[in-house]
Amino acid sequence: MAGRRRIWTLEQKLAIVGEMARCGNIAEFSRQHDIRTSLLYTWRRELRYALEAGQATSHAEPMFVPVMADSPKPLSSDVAIEVEVGGAVVRIGRTAKADLVAAVIQALQVKP
C-alpha cells in the first residue's frame, strides 16, 4: 500500500463503496482490496453528501407568500408594503434599505 498513488474512477469508487456496504468486516475488506480504511470511509461520506445535496436541490422549489389585497386601515403615504409575520405587523417605508428590511423579516421568521 505504501508509496503508490492510484487513480480511481467514479464508477470504481461507487462499486467498491456498494460492495463495502454489504461487507461485515471493513478492515478485512480494505486489506482484500489493498485500500486504506480511511479512504473507504471518505468515499462513503462523499457519496452520502452527494446524495443529500441531490435530494435537497430537487425539493427546493420557489414559493410565494400569499398576499392580502385589502387593508383594514388606510396606509400612510410613506408606507410601501405592510407585512404580517406570526402576528407581528411590519410596515416598510419607501425609503427603507433592502438589507435592513430583509434582516427584520428574517428575524420575525425565526422559530422559537
PDB file of N, CA and C in Angstrom:
ATOM      1  N   MET A   1       0.812  -1.196   0.000  1.00  0.00           N
ATOM      2  CA  MET A   1       0.000   0.000   0.000  1.00  0.00           C
ATOM      3  C   MET A   1       0.861   1.267   0.000  1.00  0.00           C
ATOM      4  N   ALA A   2       1.952   1.253   0.702  1.00  0.00           N
ATOM      5  CA  ALA A   2       2.757   2.456   0.848  1.00  0.00           C
ATOM      6  C   ALA A   2       3.503   2.779  -0.437  1.00  0.00           C
ATOM      7  N   GLY A   3       3.625   4.063  -0.711  1.00  0.00           N
ATOM      8  CA  GLY A   3       4.453   4.511  -1.801  1.00  0.00           C
ATOM      9  C   GLY A   3       3.821   4.587  -3.164  1.00  0.00           C
ATOM     10  N   ARG A   4       2.583   4.238  -3.310  1.00  0.00           N
ATOM     11  CA  ARG A   4       1.979   4.346  -4.637  1.00  0.00           C
ATOM     12  C   ARG A   4       0.659   5.096  -4.552  1.00  0.00           C
ATOM     13  N   ARG A   5       0.384   5.791  -5.581  1.00  0.00           N
ATOM     14  CA  ARG A   5      -0.853   6.566  -5.653  1.00  0.00           C
ATOM     15  C   ARG A   5      -1.628   6.076  -6.854  1.00  0.00           C
ATOM     16  N   ARG A   6      -2.855   5.647  -6.587  1.00  0.00           N
ATOM     17  CA  ARG A   6      -3.698   5.132  -7.667  1.00  0.00           C
ATOM     18  C   ARG A   6      -4.812   6.122  -7.955  1.00  0.00           C
ATOM     19  N   ILE A   7      -5.243   6.105  -9.170  1.00  0.00           N
ATOM     20  CA  ILE A   7      -6.361   6.949  -9.597  1.00  0.00           C
ATOM     21  C   ILE A   7      -7.590   6.050  -9.715  1.00  0.00           C
ATOM     22  N   TRP A   8      -8.669   6.466  -9.047  1.00  0.00           N
ATOM     23  CA  TRP A   8      -9.913   5.692  -9.062  1.00  0.00           C
ATOM     24  C   TRP A   8     -10.965   6.459  -9.842  1.00  0.00           C
ATOM     25  N   THR A   9     -11.649   5.759 -10.727  1.00  0.00           N
ATOM     26  CA  THR A   9     -12.764   6.395 -11.433  1.00  0.00           C
ATOM     27  C   THR A   9     -13.970   6.434 -10.507  1.00  0.00           C
ATOM     28  N   LEU A  10     -14.925   7.259 -10.841  1.00  0.00           N
ATOM     29  CA  LEU A  10     -16.150   7.352 -10.052  1.00  0.00           C
ATOM     30  C   LEU A  10     -16.876   6.012 -10.014  1.00  0.00           C
ATOM     31  N   GLU A  11     -16.899   5.317 -11.149  1.00  0.00           N
ATOM     32  CA  GLU A  11     -17.566   4.016 -11.215  1.00  0.00           C
ATOM     33  C   GLU A  11     -16.901   3.008 -10.282  1.00  0.00           C
ATOM     34  N   GLN A  12     -15.567   3.032 -10.238  1.00  0.00           N
ATOM     35  CA  GLN A  12     -14.849   2.127  -9.348  1.00  0.00           C
ATOM     36  C   GLN A  12     -15.156   2.442  -7.885  1.00  0.00           C
ATOM     37  N   LYS A  13     -15.160   3.731  -7.552  1.00  0.00           N
ATOM     38  CA  LYS A  13     -15.452   4.129  -6.171  1.00  0.00           C
ATOM     39  C   LYS A  13     -16.849   3.681  -5.766  1.00  0.00           C
ATOM     40  N   LEU A  14     -17.825   3.928  -6.649  1.00  0.00           N
ATOM     41  CA  LEU A  14     -19.209   3.545  -6.339  1.00  0.00           C
ATOM     42  C   LEU A  14     -19.336   2.040  -6.166  1.00  0.00           C
ATOM     43  N   ALA A  15     -18.664   1.275  -7.021  1.00  0.00           N
ATOM     44  CA  ALA A  15     -18.724  -0.183  -6.928  1.00  0.00           C
ATOM     45  C   ALA A  15     -18.106  -0.661  -5.617  1.00  0.00           C
ATOM     46  N   ILE A  16     -16.975  -0.095  -5.240  1.00  0.00           N
ATOM     47  CA  ILE A  16     -16.303  -0.514  -4.013  1.00  0.00           C
ATOM     48  C   ILE A  16     -17.120  -0.125  -2.789  1.00  0.00           C
ATOM     49  N   VAL A  17     -17.672   1.086  -2.778  1.00  0.00           N
ATOM     50  CA  VAL A  17     -18.492   1.517  -1.640  1.00  0.00           C
ATOM     51  C   VAL A  17     -19.752   0.663  -1.552  1.00  0.00           C
ATOM     52  N   GLY A  18     -20.336   0.320  -2.678  1.00  0.00           N
ATOM     53  CA  GLY A  18     -21.506  -0.559  -2.675  1.00  0.00           C
ATOM     54  C   GLY A  18     -21.180  -1.932  -2.142  1.00  0.00           C
ATOM     55  N   GLU A  19     -20.037  -2.448  -2.535  1.00  0.00           N
ATOM     56  CA  GLU A  19     -19.601  -3.755  -2.037  1.00  0.00           C
ATOM     57  C   GLU A  19     -19.283  -3.682  -0.545  1.00  0.00           C
ATOM     58  N   MET A  20     -18.695  -2.557  -0.123  1.00  0.00           N
ATOM     59  CA  MET A  20     -18.354  -2.365   1.285  1.00  0.00           C
ATOM     60  C   MET A  20     -19.612  -2.350   2.157  1.00  0.00           C
ATOM     61  N   ALA A  21     -20.710  -1.836   1.627  1.00  0.00           N
ATOM     62  CA  ALA A  21     -21.958  -1.758   2.398  1.00  0.00           C
ATOM     63  C   ALA A  21     -22.475  -3.152   2.750  1.00  0.00           C
ATOM     64  N   ARG A  22     -22.179  -4.124   1.916  1.00  0.00           N
ATOM     65  CA  ARG A  22     -22.633  -5.490   2.167  1.00  0.00           C
ATOM     66  C   ARG A  22     -21.625  -6.312   2.966  1.00  0.00           C
ATOM     67  N   CYS A  23     -20.503  -5.701   3.297  1.00  0.00           N
ATOM     68  CA  CYS A  23     -19.422  -6.411   3.982  1.00  0.00           C
ATOM     69  C   CYS A  23     -19.575  -6.259   5.499  1.00  0.00           C
ATOM     70  N   GLY A  24     -19.268  -7.297   6.225  1.00  0.00           N
ATOM     71  CA  GLY A  24     -19.367  -7.239   7.679  1.00  0.00           C
ATOM     72  C   GLY A  24     -18.112  -6.723   8.352  1.00  0.00           C
ATOM     73  N   ASN A  25     -16.957  -6.912   7.741  1.00  0.00           N
ATOM     74  CA  ASN A  25     -15.685  -6.532   8.344  1.00  0.00           C
ATOM     75  C   ASN A  25     -14.955  -5.588   7.388  1.00  0.00           C
ATOM     76  N   ILE A  26     -15.005  -4.296   7.693  1.00  0.00           N
ATOM     77  CA  ILE A  26     -14.429  -3.278   6.813  1.00  0.00           C
ATOM     78  C   ILE A  26     -12.905  -3.401   6.751  1.00  0.00           C
ATOM     79  N   ALA A  27     -12.277  -3.715   7.866  1.00  0.00           N
ATOM     80  CA  ALA A  27     -10.814  -3.840   7.891  1.00  0.00           C
ATOM     81  C   ALA A  27     -10.360  -4.972   6.965  1.00  0.00           C
ATOM     82  N   GLU A  28     -11.031  -6.095   7.045  1.00  0.00           N
ATOM     83  CA  GLU A  28     -10.695  -7.227   6.173  1.00  0.00           C
ATOM     84  C   GLU A  28     -10.957  -6.873   4.710  1.00  0.00           C
ATOM     85  N   PHE A  29     -12.083  -6.193   4.469  1.00  0.00           N
ATOM     86  CA  PHE A  29     -12.432  -5.766   3.113  1.00  0.00           C
ATOM     87  C   PHE A  29     -11.347  -4.852   2.551  1.00  0.00           C
ATOM     88  N   SER A  30     -10.860  -3.910   3.357  1.00  0.00           N
ATOM     89  CA  SER A  30      -9.834  -2.980   2.877  1.00  0.00           C
ATOM     90  C   SER A  30      -8.520  -3.713   2.575  1.00  0.00           C
ATOM     91  N   ARG A  31      -8.189  -4.697   3.376  1.00  0.00           N
ATOM     92  CA  ARG A  31      -6.972  -5.486   3.109  1.00  0.00           C
ATOM     93  C   ARG A  31      -7.120  -6.278   1.808  1.00  0.00           C
ATOM     94  N   GLN A  32      -8.290  -6.851   1.559  1.00  0.00           N
ATOM     95  CA  GLN A  32      -8.512  -7.633   0.342  1.00  0.00           C
ATOM     96  C   GLN A  32      -8.341  -6.765  -0.904  1.00  0.00           C
ATOM     97  N   HIS A  33      -8.795  -5.505  -0.821  1.00  0.00           N
ATOM     98  CA  HIS A  33      -8.740  -4.610  -1.979  1.00  0.00           C
ATOM     99  C   HIS A  33      -7.507  -3.717  -1.968  1.00  0.00           C
ATOM    100  N   ASP A  34      -6.655  -3.878  -0.940  1.00  0.00           N
ATOM    101  CA  ASP A  34      -5.433  -3.094  -0.813  1.00  0.00           C
ATOM    102  C   ASP A  34      -5.731  -1.590  -0.819  1.00  0.00           C
ATOM    103  N   ILE A  35      -6.737  -1.198  -0.017  1.00  0.00           N
ATOM    104  CA  ILE A  35      -7.152   0.199   0.125  1.00  0.00           C
ATOM    105  C   ILE A  35      -7.205   0.512   1.613  1.00  0.00           C
ATOM    106  N   ARG A  36      -6.749   1.668   1.977  1.00  0.00           N
ATOM    107  CA  ARG A  36      -6.828   2.072   3.386  1.00  0.00           C
ATOM    108  C   ARG A  36      -8.293   2.246   3.798  1.00  0.00           C
ATOM    109  N   THR A  37      -8.588   1.886   5.049  1.00  0.00           N
ATOM    110  CA  THR A  37      -9.969   2.021   5.543  1.00  0.00           C
ATOM    111  C   THR A  37     -10.398   3.476   5.560  1.00  0.00           C
ATOM    112  N   SER A  38      -9.473   4.376   5.863  1.00  0.00           N
ATOM    113  CA  SER A  38      -9.830   5.797   5.893  1.00  0.00           C
ATOM    114  C   SER A  38     -10.302   6.276   4.526  1.00  0.00           C
ATOM    115  N   LEU A  39      -9.703   5.761   3.458  1.00  0.00           N
ATOM    116  CA  LEU A  39     -10.126   6.143   2.112  1.00  0.00           C
ATOM    117  C   LEU A  39     -11.524   5.604   1.811  1.00  0.00           C
ATOM    118  N   LEU A  40     -11.793   4.391   2.261  1.00  0.00           N
ATOM    119  CA  LEU A  40     -13.139   3.817   2.074  1.00  0.00           C
ATOM    120  C   LEU A  40     -14.192   4.651   2.790  1.00  0.00           C
ATOM    121  N   TYR A  41     -13.897   5.037   4.025  1.00  0.00           N
ATOM    122  CA  TYR A  41     -14.843   5.863   4.776  1.00  0.00           C
ATOM    123  C   TYR A  41     -15.011   7.241   4.135  1.00  0.00           C
ATOM    124  N   THR A  42     -13.943   7.782   3.591  1.00  0.00           N
ATOM    125  CA  THR A  42     -14.026   9.075   2.899  1.00  0.00           C
ATOM    126  C   THR A  42     -14.929   8.964   1.682  1.00  0.00           C
ATOM    127  N   TRP A  43     -14.754   7.922   0.886  1.00  0.00           N
ATOM    128  CA  TRP A  43     -15.607   7.728  -0.289  1.00  0.00           C
ATOM    129  C   TRP A  43     -17.065   7.571   0.118  1.00  0.00           C
ATOM    130  N   ARG A  44     -17.312   6.814   1.181  1.00  0.00           N
ATOM    131  CA  ARG A  44     -18.679   6.600   1.643  1.00  0.00           C
ATOM    132  C   ARG A  44     -19.312   7.915   2.092  1.00  0.00           C
ATOM    133  N   ARG A  45     -18.540   8.725   2.832  1.00  0.00           N
ATOM    134  CA  ARG A  45     -19.033  10.018   3.310  1.00  0.00           C
ATOM    135  C   ARG A  45     -19.316  10.947   2.134  1.00  0.00           C
ATOM    136  N   GLU A  46     -18.410  10.996   1.155  1.00  0.00           N
ATOM    137  CA  GLU A  46     -18.618  11.847  -0.023  1.00  0.00           C
ATOM    138  C   GLU A  46     -19.860  11.428  -0.808  1.00  0.00           C
ATOM    139  N   LEU A  47     -20.085  10.135  -0.917  1.00  0.00           N
ATOM    140  CA  LEU A  47     -21.277   9.635  -1.600  1.00  0.00           C
ATOM    141  C   LEU A  47     -22.539  10.055  -0.852  1.00  0.00           C
ATOM    142  N   ARG A  48     -22.512   9.930   0.470  1.00  0.00           N
ATOM    143  CA  ARG A  48     -23.665  10.336   1.278  1.00  0.00           C
ATOM    144  C   ARG A  48     -23.943  11.833   1.118  1.00  0.00           C
ATOM    145  N   TYR A  49     -22.883  12.659   1.144  1.00  0.00           N
ATOM    146  CA  TYR A  49     -23.060  14.104   0.961  1.00  0.00           C
ATOM    147  C   TYR A  49     -23.627  14.421  -0.423  1.00  0.00           C
ATOM    148  N   ALA A  50     -23.145  13.724  -1.439  1.00  0.00           N
ATOM    149  CA  ALA A  50     -23.640  13.963  -2.796  1.00  0.00           C
ATOM    150  C   ALA A  50     -25.118  13.587  -2.913  1.00  0.00           C
ATOM    151  N   LEU A  51     -25.502  12.490  -2.288  1.00  0.00           N
ATOM    152  CA  LEU A  51     -26.916  12.083  -2.316  1.00  0.00           C
ATOM    153  C   LEU A  51     -27.789  13.085  -1.584  1.00  0.00           C
ATOM    154  N   GLU A  52     -27.326  13.565  -0.424  1.00  0.00           N
ATOM    155  CA  GLU A  52     -28.089  14.553   0.336  1.00  0.00           C
ATOM    156  C   GLU A  52     -28.216  15.858  -0.436  1.00  0.00           C
ATOM    157  N   ALA A  53     -27.150  16.281  -1.084  1.00  0.00           N
ATOM    158  CA  ALA A  53     -27.194  17.514  -1.869  1.00  0.00           C
ATOM    159  C   ALA A  53     -28.147  17.381  -3.046  1.00  0.00           C
ATOM    160  N   GLY A  54     -28.167  16.216  -3.663  1.00  0.00           N
ATOM    161  CA  GLY A  54     -29.083  15.987  -4.785  1.00  0.00           C
ATOM    162  C   GLY A  54     -30.529  16.005  -4.351  1.00  0.00           C
ATOM    163  N   GLN A  55     -30.812  15.480  -3.166  1.00  0.00           N
ATOM    164  CA  GLN A  55     -32.182  15.475  -2.660  1.00  0.00           C
ATOM    165  C   GLN A  55     -32.605  16.874  -2.247  1.00  0.00           C
ATOM    166  N   ALA A  56     -31.698  17.646  -1.676  1.00  0.00           N
ATOM    167  CA  ALA A  56     -32.039  18.993  -1.221  1.00  0.00           C
ATOM    168  C   ALA A  56     -32.375  19.898  -2.396  1.00  0.00           C
ATOM    169  N   THR A  57     -31.635  19.796  -3.489  1.00  0.00           N
ATOM    170  CA  THR A  57     -31.897  20.672  -4.622  1.00  0.00           C
ATOM    171  C   THR A  57     -33.130  20.255  -5.398  1.00  0.00           C
ATOM    172  N   SER A  58     -33.481  18.975  -5.377  1.00  0.00           N
ATOM    173  CA  SER A  58     -34.648  18.548  -6.140  1.00  0.00           C
ATOM    174  C   SER A  58     -35.949  18.976  -5.474  1.00  0.00           C
ATOM    175  N   HIS A  59     -35.928  19.215  -4.166  1.00  0.00           N
ATOM    176  CA  HIS A  59     -37.138  19.623  -3.457  1.00  0.00           C
ATOM    177  C   HIS A  59     -37.239  21.133  -3.296  1.00  0.00           C
ATOM    178  N   ALA A  60     -36.178  21.833  -3.607  1.00  0.00           N
ATOM    179  CA  ALA A  60     -36.174  23.279  -3.427  1.00  0.00           C
ATOM    180  C   ALA A  60     -36.883  23.941  -4.605  1.00  0.00           C
ATOM    181  N   GLU A  61     -38.120  24.304  -4.388  1.00  0.00           N
ATOM    182  CA  GLU A  61     -38.890  24.980  -5.418  1.00  0.00           C
ATOM    183  C   GLU A  61     -39.230  26.373  -4.925  1.00  0.00           C
ATOM    184  N   PRO A  62     -39.318  27.324  -5.824  1.00  0.00           N
ATOM    185  CA  PRO A  62     -39.681  28.671  -5.393  1.00  0.00           C
ATOM    186  C   PRO A  62     -41.086  28.666  -4.796  1.00  0.00           C
ATOM    187  N   MET A  63     -41.236  29.428  -3.744  1.00  0.00           N
ATOM    188  CA  MET A  63     -42.533  29.514  -3.090  1.00  0.00           C
ATOM    189  C   MET A  63     -42.964  30.977  -3.027  1.00  0.00           C
ATOM    190  N   PHE A  64     -44.252  31.200  -3.090  1.00  0.00           N
ATOM    191  CA  PHE A  64     -44.781  32.540  -2.980  1.00  0.00           C
ATOM    192  C   PHE A  64     -45.560  32.660  -1.680  1.00  0.00           C
ATOM    193  N   VAL A  65     -45.501  33.832  -1.098  1.00  0.00           N
ATOM    194  CA  VAL A  65     -46.235  34.110   0.122  1.00  0.00           C
ATOM    195  C   VAL A  65     -47.583  34.690  -0.277  1.00  0.00           C
ATOM    196  N   PRO A  66     -48.681  34.196   0.333  1.00  0.00           N
ATOM    197  CA  PRO A  66     -49.982  34.770  -0.015  1.00  0.00           C
ATOM    198  C   PRO A  66     -50.054  36.246   0.373  1.00  0.00           C
ATOM    199  N   VAL A  67     -50.700  37.022  -0.460  1.00  0.00           N
ATOM    200  CA  VAL A  67     -50.803  38.462  -0.244  1.00  0.00           C
ATOM    201  C   VAL A  67     -52.260  38.829  -0.006  1.00  0.00           C
ATOM    202  N   MET A  68     -52.479  39.652   1.008  1.00  0.00           N
ATOM    203  CA  MET A  68     -53.830  40.170   1.248  1.00  0.00           C
ATOM    204  C   MET A  68     -53.940  41.498   0.517  1.00  0.00           C
ATOM    205  N   ALA A  69     -54.904  41.610  -0.371  1.00  0.00           N
ATOM    206  CA  ALA A  69     -55.017  42.802  -1.202  1.00  0.00           C
ATOM    207  C   ALA A  69     -55.667  43.976  -0.489  1.00  0.00           C
ATOM    208  N   ASP A  70     -56.565  43.696   0.448  1.00  0.00           N
ATOM    209  CA  ASP A  70     -57.220  44.823   1.104  1.00  0.00           C
ATOM    210  C   ASP A  70     -56.642  45.025   2.506  1.00  0.00           C
ATOM    211  N   SER A  71     -56.587  46.255   2.927  1.00  0.00           N
ATOM    212  CA  SER A  71     -56.040  46.615   4.228  1.00  0.00           C
ATOM    213  C   SER A  71     -57.174  47.149   5.090  1.00  0.00           C
ATOM    214  N   PRO A  72     -57.264  46.727   6.364  1.00  0.00           N
ATOM    215  CA  PRO A  72     -58.353  47.210   7.204  1.00  0.00           C
ATOM    216  C   PRO A  72     -58.295  48.701   7.462  1.00  0.00           C
ATOM    217  N   LYS A  73     -57.116  49.274   7.436  1.00  0.00           N
ATOM    218  CA  LYS A  73     -56.993  50.725   7.607  1.00  0.00           C
ATOM    219  C   LYS A  73     -56.108  51.271   6.498  1.00  0.00           C
ATOM    220  N   PRO A  74     -56.326  52.490   6.094  1.00  0.00           N
ATOM    221  CA  PRO A  74     -55.520  53.042   5.010  1.00  0.00           C
ATOM    222  C   PRO A  74     -54.053  53.185   5.439  1.00  0.00           C
ATOM    223  N   LEU A  75     -53.157  52.875   4.536  1.00  0.00           N
ATOM    224  CA  LEU A  75     -51.739  53.033   4.813  1.00  0.00           C
ATOM    225  C   LEU A  75     -51.330  54.480   4.630  1.00  0.00           C
ATOM    226  N   SER A  76     -50.344  54.884   5.408  1.00  0.00           N
ATOM    227  CA  SER A  76     -49.860  56.249   5.233  1.00  0.00           C
ATOM    228  C   SER A  76     -49.135  56.349   3.897  1.00  0.00           C
ATOM    229  N   SER A  77     -48.911  57.536   3.427  1.00  0.00           N
ATOM    230  CA  SER A  77     -48.290  57.713   2.113  1.00  0.00           C
ATOM    231  C   SER A  77     -46.838  57.250   2.092  1.00  0.00           C
ATOM    232  N   ASP A  78     -46.195  57.144   3.286  1.00  0.00           N
ATOM    233  CA  ASP A  78     -44.795  56.725   3.339  1.00  0.00           C
ATOM    234  C   ASP A  78     -44.655  55.203   3.301  1.00  0.00           C
ATOM    235  N   VAL A  79     -45.724  54.460   3.650  1.00  0.00           N
ATOM    236  CA  VAL A  79     -45.635  53.005   3.720  1.00  0.00           C
ATOM    237  C   VAL A  79     -45.854  52.416   2.329  1.00  0.00           C
ATOM    238  N   ALA A  80     -44.882  51.623   1.880  1.00  0.00           N
ATOM    239  CA  ALA A  80     -44.992  50.995   0.570  1.00  0.00           C
ATOM    240  C   ALA A  80     -45.566  49.594   0.694  1.00  0.00           C
ATOM    241  N   ILE A  81     -45.168  48.863   1.757  1.00  0.00           N
ATOM    242  CA  ILE A  81     -45.607  47.484   1.949  1.00  0.00           C
ATOM    243  C   ILE A  81     -45.893  47.263   3.425  1.00  0.00           C
ATOM    244  N   GLU A  82     -46.913  46.462   3.695  1.00  0.00           N
ATOM    245  CA  GLU A  82     -47.210  46.039   5.057  1.00  0.00           C
ATOM    246  C   GLU A  82     -47.160  44.524   5.083  1.00  0.00           C
ATOM    247  N   VAL A  83     -46.324  43.975   5.963  1.00  0.00           N
ATOM    248  CA  VAL A  83     -46.126  42.535   6.045  1.00  0.00           C
ATOM    249  C   VAL A  83     -46.519  42.065   7.433  1.00  0.00           C
ATOM    250  N   GLU A  84     -47.286  40.972   7.487  1.00  0.00           N
ATOM    251  CA  GLU A  84     -47.648  40.368   8.769  1.00  0.00           C
ATOM    252  C   GLU A  84     -47.019  38.983   8.831  1.00  0.00           C
ATOM    253  N   VAL A  85     -46.167  38.778   9.846  1.00  0.00           N
ATOM    254  CA  VAL A  85     -45.479  37.508  10.026  1.00  0.00           C
ATOM    255  C   VAL A  85     -45.678  37.072  11.473  1.00  0.00           C
ATOM    256  N   GLY A  86     -46.366  35.964  11.655  1.00  0.00           N
ATOM    257  CA  GLY A  86     -46.562  35.422  13.001  1.00  0.00           C
ATOM    258  C   GLY A  86     -47.240  36.387  13.950  1.00  0.00           C
ATOM    259  N   GLY A  87     -48.169  37.167  13.473  1.00  0.00           N
ATOM    260  CA  GLY A  87     -48.894  38.098  14.324  1.00  0.00           C
ATOM    261  C   GLY A  87     -48.240  39.468  14.437  1.00  0.00           C
ATOM    262  N   ALA A  88     -47.011  39.612  14.007  1.00  0.00           N
ATOM    263  CA  ALA A  88     -46.328  40.905  14.033  1.00  0.00           C
ATOM    264  C   ALA A  88     -46.530  41.602  12.692  1.00  0.00           C
ATOM    265  N   VAL A  89     -46.796  42.892  12.740  1.00  0.00           N
ATOM    266  CA  VAL A  89     -47.006  43.667  11.523  1.00  0.00           C
ATOM    267  C   VAL A  89     -45.805  44.579  11.316  1.00  0.00           C
ATOM    268  N   VAL A  90     -45.241  44.517  10.126  1.00  0.00           N
ATOM    269  CA  VAL A  90     -44.113  45.372   9.774  1.00  0.00           C
ATOM    270  C   VAL A  90     -44.541  46.246   8.612  1.00  0.00           C
ATOM    271  N   ARG A  91     -44.400  47.525   8.784  1.00  0.00           N
ATOM    272  CA  ARG A  91     -44.705  48.471   7.709  1.00  0.00           C
ATOM    273  C   ARG A  91     -43.381  48.963   7.144  1.00  0.00           C
ATOM    274  N   ILE A  92     -43.203  48.767   5.864  1.00  0.00           N
ATOM    275  CA  ILE A  92     -41.950  49.087   5.206  1.00  0.00           C
ATOM    276  C   ILE A  92     -42.135  50.354   4.387  1.00  0.00           C
ATOM    277  N   GLY A  93     -41.349  51.336   4.721  1.00  0.00           N
ATOM    278  CA  GLY A  93     -41.432  52.614   4.021  1.00  0.00           C
ATOM    279  C   GLY A  93     -40.746  52.578   2.672  1.00  0.00           C
ATOM    280  N   ARG A  94     -41.061  53.558   1.869  1.00  0.00           N
ATOM    281  CA  ARG A  94     -40.488  53.617   0.524  1.00  0.00           C
ATOM    282  C   ARG A  94     -38.978  53.843   0.543  1.00  0.00           C
ATOM    283  N   THR A  95     -38.466  54.478   1.572  1.00  0.00           N
ATOM    284  CA  THR A  95     -37.037  54.793   1.623  1.00  0.00           C
ATOM    285  C   THR A  95     -36.234  53.769   2.419  1.00  0.00           C
ATOM    286  N   ALA A  96     -36.856  52.669   2.849  1.00  0.00           N
ATOM    287  CA  ALA A  96     -36.157  51.662   3.648  1.00  0.00           C
ATOM    288  C   ALA A  96     -35.108  50.954   2.803  1.00  0.00           C
ATOM    289  N   LYS A  97     -33.975  50.664   3.440  1.00  0.00           N
ATOM    290  CA  LYS A  97     -32.894  49.947   2.754  1.00  0.00           C
ATOM    291  C   LYS A  97     -33.246  48.462   2.688  1.00  0.00           C
ATOM    292  N   ALA A  98     -32.952  47.848   1.561  1.00  0.00           N
ATOM    293  CA  ALA A  98     -33.333  46.454   1.310  1.00  0.00           C
ATOM    294  C   ALA A  98     -32.709  45.489   2.311  1.00  0.00           C
ATOM    295  N   ASP A  99     -31.437  45.695   2.679  1.00  0.00           N
ATOM    296  CA  ASP A  99     -30.793  44.772   3.610  1.00  0.00           C
ATOM    297  C   ASP A  99     -31.391  44.857   5.003  1.00  0.00           C
ATOM    298  N   LEU A 100     -31.810  46.050   5.420  1.00  0.00           N
ATOM    299  CA  LEU A 100     -32.465  46.215   6.719  1.00  0.00           C
ATOM    300  C   LEU A 100     -33.838  45.541   6.716  1.00  0.00           C
ATOM    301  N   VAL A 101     -34.583  45.712   5.646  1.00  0.00           N
ATOM    302  CA  VAL A 101     -35.897  45.083   5.523  1.00  0.00           C
ATOM    303  C   VAL A 101     -35.762  43.563   5.568  1.00  0.00           C
ATOM    304  N   ALA A 102     -34.800  43.031   4.824  1.00  0.00           N
ATOM    305  CA  ALA A 102     -34.585  41.584   4.805  1.00  0.00           C
ATOM    306  C   ALA A 102     -34.203  41.064   6.180  1.00  0.00           C
ATOM    307  N   ALA A 103     -33.371  41.794   6.903  1.00  0.00           N
ATOM    308  CA  ALA A 103     -32.952  41.366   8.243  1.00  0.00           C
ATOM    309  C   ALA A 103     -34.127  41.353   9.212  1.00  0.00           C
ATOM    310  N   VAL A 104     -34.984  42.364   9.151  1.00  0.00           N
ATOM    311  CA  VAL A 104     -36.150  42.429  10.046  1.00  0.00           C
ATOM    312  C   VAL A 104     -37.113  41.288   9.745  1.00  0.00           C
ATOM    313  N   ILE A 105     -37.415  41.044   8.488  1.00  0.00           N
ATOM    314  CA  ILE A 105     -38.336  39.971   8.120  1.00  0.00           C
ATOM    315  C   ILE A 105     -37.756  38.613   8.491  1.00  0.00           C
ATOM    316  N   GLN A 106     -36.472  38.445   8.271  1.00  0.00           N
ATOM    317  CA  GLN A 106     -35.838  37.171   8.625  1.00  0.00           C
ATOM    318  C   GLN A 106     -35.867  36.962  10.129  1.00  0.00           C
ATOM    319  N   ALA A 107     -35.674  38.008  10.905  1.00  0.00           N
ATOM    320  CA  ALA A 107     -35.721  37.897  12.365  1.00  0.00           C
ATOM    321  C   ALA A 107     -37.118  37.519  12.842  1.00  0.00           C
ATOM    322  N   LEU A 108     -38.138  37.972  12.153  1.00  0.00           N
ATOM    323  CA  LEU A 108     -39.507  37.622  12.532  1.00  0.00           C
ATOM    324  C   LEU A 108     -39.837  36.180  12.193  1.00  0.00           C
ATOM    325  N   GLN A 109     -39.154  35.599  11.224  1.00  0.00           N
ATOM    326  CA  GLN A 109     -39.439  34.234  10.801  1.00  0.00           C
ATOM    327  C   GLN A 109     -38.751  33.188  11.646  1.00  0.00           C
ATOM    328  N   VAL A 110     -37.858  33.583  12.530  1.00  0.00           N
ATOM    329  CA  VAL A 110     -37.142  32.612  13.373  1.00  0.00           C
ATOM    330  C   VAL A 110     -38.123  31.918  14.280  1.00  0.00           C
ATOM    331  N   LYS A 111     -38.068  30.568  14.275  1.00  0.00           N
ATOM    332  CA  LYS A 111     -38.991  29.791  15.075  1.00  0.00           C
ATOM    333  C   LYS A 111     -38.384  29.551  16.451  1.00  0.00           C
ATOM    334  N   PRO A 112     -39.148  29.746  17.505  1.00  0.00           N
ATOM    335  CA  PRO A 112     -38.605  29.539  18.857  1.00  0.00           C
ATOM    336  C   PRO A 112     -38.334  28.092  19.171  1.00  0.00           C
TER     337      PRO A 112
END
